[in-house]
Amino acid sequence: HNGWGVFSQLSFADNGTSPIATFWDIGLCGNGIFKSRLRDEFGISYAFTNLSSVLKYNLSLLRVNLPRPEHQMETFYNFHITPWLRLTADLQIIRPTRAVAQTAVVPGGRL
């Protein structure tokens, strides 16, 4: 496949039956970002997750710090070394729902 594309999804759930009330993401992906590497692929995305009001209320009864929405960002680059061998670099940044938790930066790779 050649070119670039935008993707997105949006989800809603019942507050009484799901710990996640809303989720959405949006991203850009494609290939051919460099003329010398037309088969390589790339992507970048952002996602938002909001917990249900029922879960937040129940946690408040336990005197747990109220959670906040989670934010995630991810990017990857897929190097086509040969037609059958690829090297992928990936980076995720996650701001978790727990306010006392630090933002996680998670690098990754795959061959």
C-alpha atoms as a PDB file:
ATOM      1  CA  HIS A   1       0.000   0.000   0.000  1.00  0.00           C
ATOM      2  CA  ASN A   2       1.228   3.459  -0.808  1.00  0.00           C
ATOM      3  CA  GLY A   3       0.405   6.786   0.714  1.00  0.00           C
ATOM      4  CA  TRP A   4      -0.747   8.197   3.985  1.00  0.00           C
ATOM      5  CA  GLY A   5      -3.970   7.852   5.922  1.00  0.00           C
ATOM      6  CA  VAL A   6      -5.784   9.094   8.980  1.00  0.00           C
ATOM      7  CA  PHE A   7      -7.536   6.747  11.388  1.00  0.00           C
ATOM      8  CA  SER A   8      -9.773   7.279  14.373  1.00  0.00           C
ATOM      9  CA  GLN A   9     -12.195   5.497  16.651  1.00  0.00           C
ATOM     10  CA  LEU A  10     -14.685   6.606  19.266  1.00  0.00           C
ATOM     11  CA  SER A  11     -16.243   4.402  21.954  1.00  0.00           C
ATOM     12  CA  PHE A  12     -18.851   4.962  24.635  1.00  0.00           C
ATOM     13  CA  ALA A  13     -19.923   2.488  27.317  1.00  0.00           C
ATOM     14  CA  ASP A  14     -22.519   2.268  30.062  1.00  0.00           C
ATOM     15  CA  ASN A  15     -21.141   3.790  33.275  1.00  0.00           C
ATOM     16  CA  GLY A  16     -22.847   1.084  35.313  1.00  0.00           C
ATOM     17  CA  THR A  17     -21.329  -1.891  33.532  1.00  0.00           C
ATOM     18  CA  SER A  18     -17.944  -0.757  32.240  1.00  0.00           C
ATOM     19  CA  PRO A  19     -14.952   0.784  34.028  1.00  0.00           C
ATOM     20  CA  ILE A  20     -14.237   2.789  30.853  1.00  0.00           C
ATOM     21  CA  ALA A  21     -16.845   5.436  29.963  1.00  0.00           C
ATOM     22  CA  THR A  22     -15.259   6.907  26.845  1.00  0.00           C
ATOM     23  CA  PHE A  23     -12.305   6.174  24.619  1.00  0.00           C
ATOM     24  CA  TRP A  24     -11.149   7.864  21.461  1.00  0.00           C
ATOM     25  CA  ASP A  25      -8.026   7.978  19.376  1.00  0.00           C
ATOM     26  CA  ILE A  26      -6.749   9.601  16.233  1.00  0.00           C
ATOM     27  CA  GLY A  27      -3.621   8.977  14.232  1.00  0.00           C
ATOM     28  CA  LEU A  28      -1.696   9.315  11.019  1.00  0.00           C
ATOM     29  CA  CYS A  29       0.137   6.478   9.302  1.00  0.00           C
ATOM     30  CA  GLY A  30       1.641   5.716   5.949  1.00  0.00           C
ATOM     31  CA  ASN A  31       4.786   5.041   4.018  1.00  0.00           C
ATOM     32  CA  GLY A  32       7.211   6.800   1.725  1.00  0.00           C
ATOM     33  CA  ILE A  33       8.124   9.569   4.137  1.00  0.00           C
ATOM     34  CA  PHE A  34      11.671   9.479   2.681  1.00  0.00           C
ATOM     35  CA  LYS A  35      12.278   9.159  -1.075  1.00  0.00           C
ATOM     36  CA  SER A  36      15.126   6.716  -0.493  1.00  0.00           C
ATOM     37  CA  ARG A  37      12.948   4.469   1.765  1.00  0.00           C
ATOM     38  CA  LEU A  38       9.572   4.271   0.009  1.00  0.00           C
ATOM     39  CA  ARG A  39       8.588   0.923   1.576  1.00  0.00           C
ATOM     40  CA  ASP A  40       9.221   1.995   5.179  1.00  0.00           C
ATOM     41  CA  GLU A  41       6.108   2.693   7.249  1.00  0.00           C
ATOM     42  CA  PHE A  42       5.438   5.162  10.046  1.00  0.00           C
ATOM     43  CA  GLY A  43       2.648   6.055  12.407  1.00  0.00           C
ATOM     44  CA  ILE A  44       1.758   8.446  15.185  1.00  0.00           C
ATOM     45  CA  SER A  45      -1.365   8.462  17.332  1.00  0.00           C
ATOM     46  CA  TYR A  46      -2.984  10.034  20.370  1.00  0.00           C
ATOM     47  CA  ALA A  47      -5.605   8.363  22.583  1.00  0.00           C
ATOM     48  CA  PHE A  48      -7.811   9.458  25.480  1.00  0.00           C
ATOM     49  CA  THR A  49      -9.458   7.137  28.026  1.00  0.00           C
ATOM     50  CA  ASN A  50     -11.956   8.334  30.634  1.00  0.00           C
ATOM     51  CA  LEU A  51     -13.077   6.121  33.502  1.00  0.00           C
ATOM     52  CA  SER A  52     -16.734   5.701  34.405  1.00  0.00           C
ATOM     53  CA  SER A  53     -18.364   7.895  37.030  1.00  0.00           C
ATOM     54  CA  VAL A  54     -19.433   4.756  38.938  1.00  0.00           C
ATOM     55  CA  LEU A  55     -15.823   3.572  39.210  1.00  0.00           C
ATOM     56  CA  LYS A  56     -14.674   7.027  40.299  1.00  0.00           C
ATOM     57  CA  TYR A  57     -17.390   7.156  42.960  1.00  0.00           C
ATOM     58  CA  ASN A  58     -16.563   3.676  44.274  1.00  0.00           C
ATOM     59  CA  LEU A  59     -12.881   4.563  44.481  1.00  0.00           C
ATOM     60  CA  SER A  60     -13.737   7.736  46.399  1.00  0.00           C
ATOM     61  CA  LEU A  61     -15.571   5.605  48.996  1.00  0.00           C
ATOM     62  CA  LEU A  62     -12.325   3.695  49.502  1.00  0.00           C
ATOM     63  CA  ARG A  63     -10.530   7.011  49.957  1.00  0.00           C
ATOM     64  CA  VAL A  64      -8.410   6.313  46.913  1.00  0.00           C
ATOM     65  CA  ASN A  65      -7.152   9.366  45.066  1.00  0.00           C
ATOM     66  CA  LEU A  66      -9.654  10.156  42.363  1.00  0.00           C
ATOM     67  CA  PRO A  67      -8.435   8.988  38.977  1.00  0.00           C
ATOM     68  CA  ARG A  68      -8.057  11.327  36.064  1.00  0.00           C
ATOM     69  CA  PRO A  69      -8.358  10.589  32.343  1.00  0.00           C
ATOM     70  CA  GLU A  70      -5.502   8.688  30.757  1.00  0.00           C
ATOM     71  CA  HIS A  71      -3.638  10.150  27.785  1.00  0.00           C
ATOM     72  CA  GLN A  72      -1.504   8.030  25.480  1.00  0.00           C
ATOM     73  CA  MET A  73       0.741   8.881  22.555  1.00  0.00           C
ATOM     74  CA  GLU A  74       2.516   6.376  20.359  1.00  0.00           C
ATOM     75  CA  THR A  75       4.796   6.560  17.372  1.00  0.00           C
ATOM     76  CA  PHE A  76       6.592   3.905  15.336  1.00  0.00           C
ATOM     77  CA  TYR A  77       8.861   3.544  12.337  1.00  0.00           C
ATOM     78  CA  ASN A  78       9.089   0.273  10.414  1.00  0.00           C
ATOM     79  CA  PHE A  79      12.361  -0.158   8.462  1.00  0.00           C
ATOM     80  CA  HIS A  80      12.111  -2.593   5.538  1.00  0.00           C
ATOM     81  CA  ILE A  81      15.598  -4.108   5.634  1.00  0.00           C
ATOM     82  CA  THR A  82      14.699  -6.697   2.983  1.00  0.00           C
ATOM     83  CA  PRO A  83      11.311  -7.627   1.454  1.00  0.00           C
ATOM     84  CA  TRP A  84      10.878 -10.198   4.248  1.00  0.00           C
ATOM     85  CA  LEU A  85      12.799  -8.611   7.168  1.00  0.00           C
ATOM     86  CA  ARG A  86      11.669  -5.511   9.064  1.00  0.00           C
ATOM     87  CA  LEU A  87      13.033  -3.624  12.056  1.00  0.00           C
ATOM     88  CA  THR A  88      10.464  -1.617  14.004  1.00  0.00           C
ATOM     89  CA  ALA A  89      11.176   1.097  16.561  1.00  0.00           C
ATOM     90  CA  ASP A  90       8.306   2.174  18.812  1.00  0.00           C
ATOM     91  CA  LEU A  91       7.793   4.789  21.517  1.00  0.00           C
ATOM     92  CA  GLN A  92       4.792   5.073  23.843  1.00  0.00           C
ATOM     93  CA  ILE A  93       4.143   7.883  26.308  1.00  0.00           C
ATOM     94  CA  ILE A  94       1.355   7.245  28.812  1.00  0.00           C
ATOM     95  CA  ARG A  95      -0.031   9.597  31.441  1.00  0.00           C
ATOM     96  CA  PRO A  96      -1.876   7.132  33.684  1.00  0.00           C
ATOM     97  CA  THR A  97      -5.182   7.571  35.480  1.00  0.00           C
ATOM     98  CA  ARG A  98      -3.522   7.674  38.905  1.00  0.00           C
ATOM     99  CA  ALA A  99      -2.393  11.209  39.669  1.00  0.00           C
ATOM    100  CA  VAL A 100       0.364   9.911  41.957  1.00  0.00           C
ATOM    101  CA  ALA A 101       1.850   7.798  39.152  1.00  0.00           C
ATOM    102  CA  GLN A 102       4.471   9.267  36.873  1.00  0.00           C
ATOM    103  CA  THR A 103       4.124   9.495  33.135  1.00  0.00           C
ATOM    104  CA  ALA A 104       5.546   6.347  31.554  1.00  0.00           C
ATOM    105  CA  VAL A 105       7.883   6.484  28.574  1.00  0.00           C
ATOM    106  CA  VAL A 106       8.148   3.052  26.974  1.00  0.00           C
ATOM    107  CA  PRO A 107      10.568   2.508  24.075  1.00  0.00           C
ATOM    108  CA  GLY A 108      10.366  -0.723  22.149  1.00  0.00           C
ATOM    109  CA  GLY A 109      11.765  -2.550  19.180  1.00  0.00           C
ATOM    110  CA  ARG A 110      11.063  -5.622  17.114  1.00  0.00           C
ATOM    111  CA  LEU A 111      12.974  -7.499  14.420  1.00  0.00           C
END
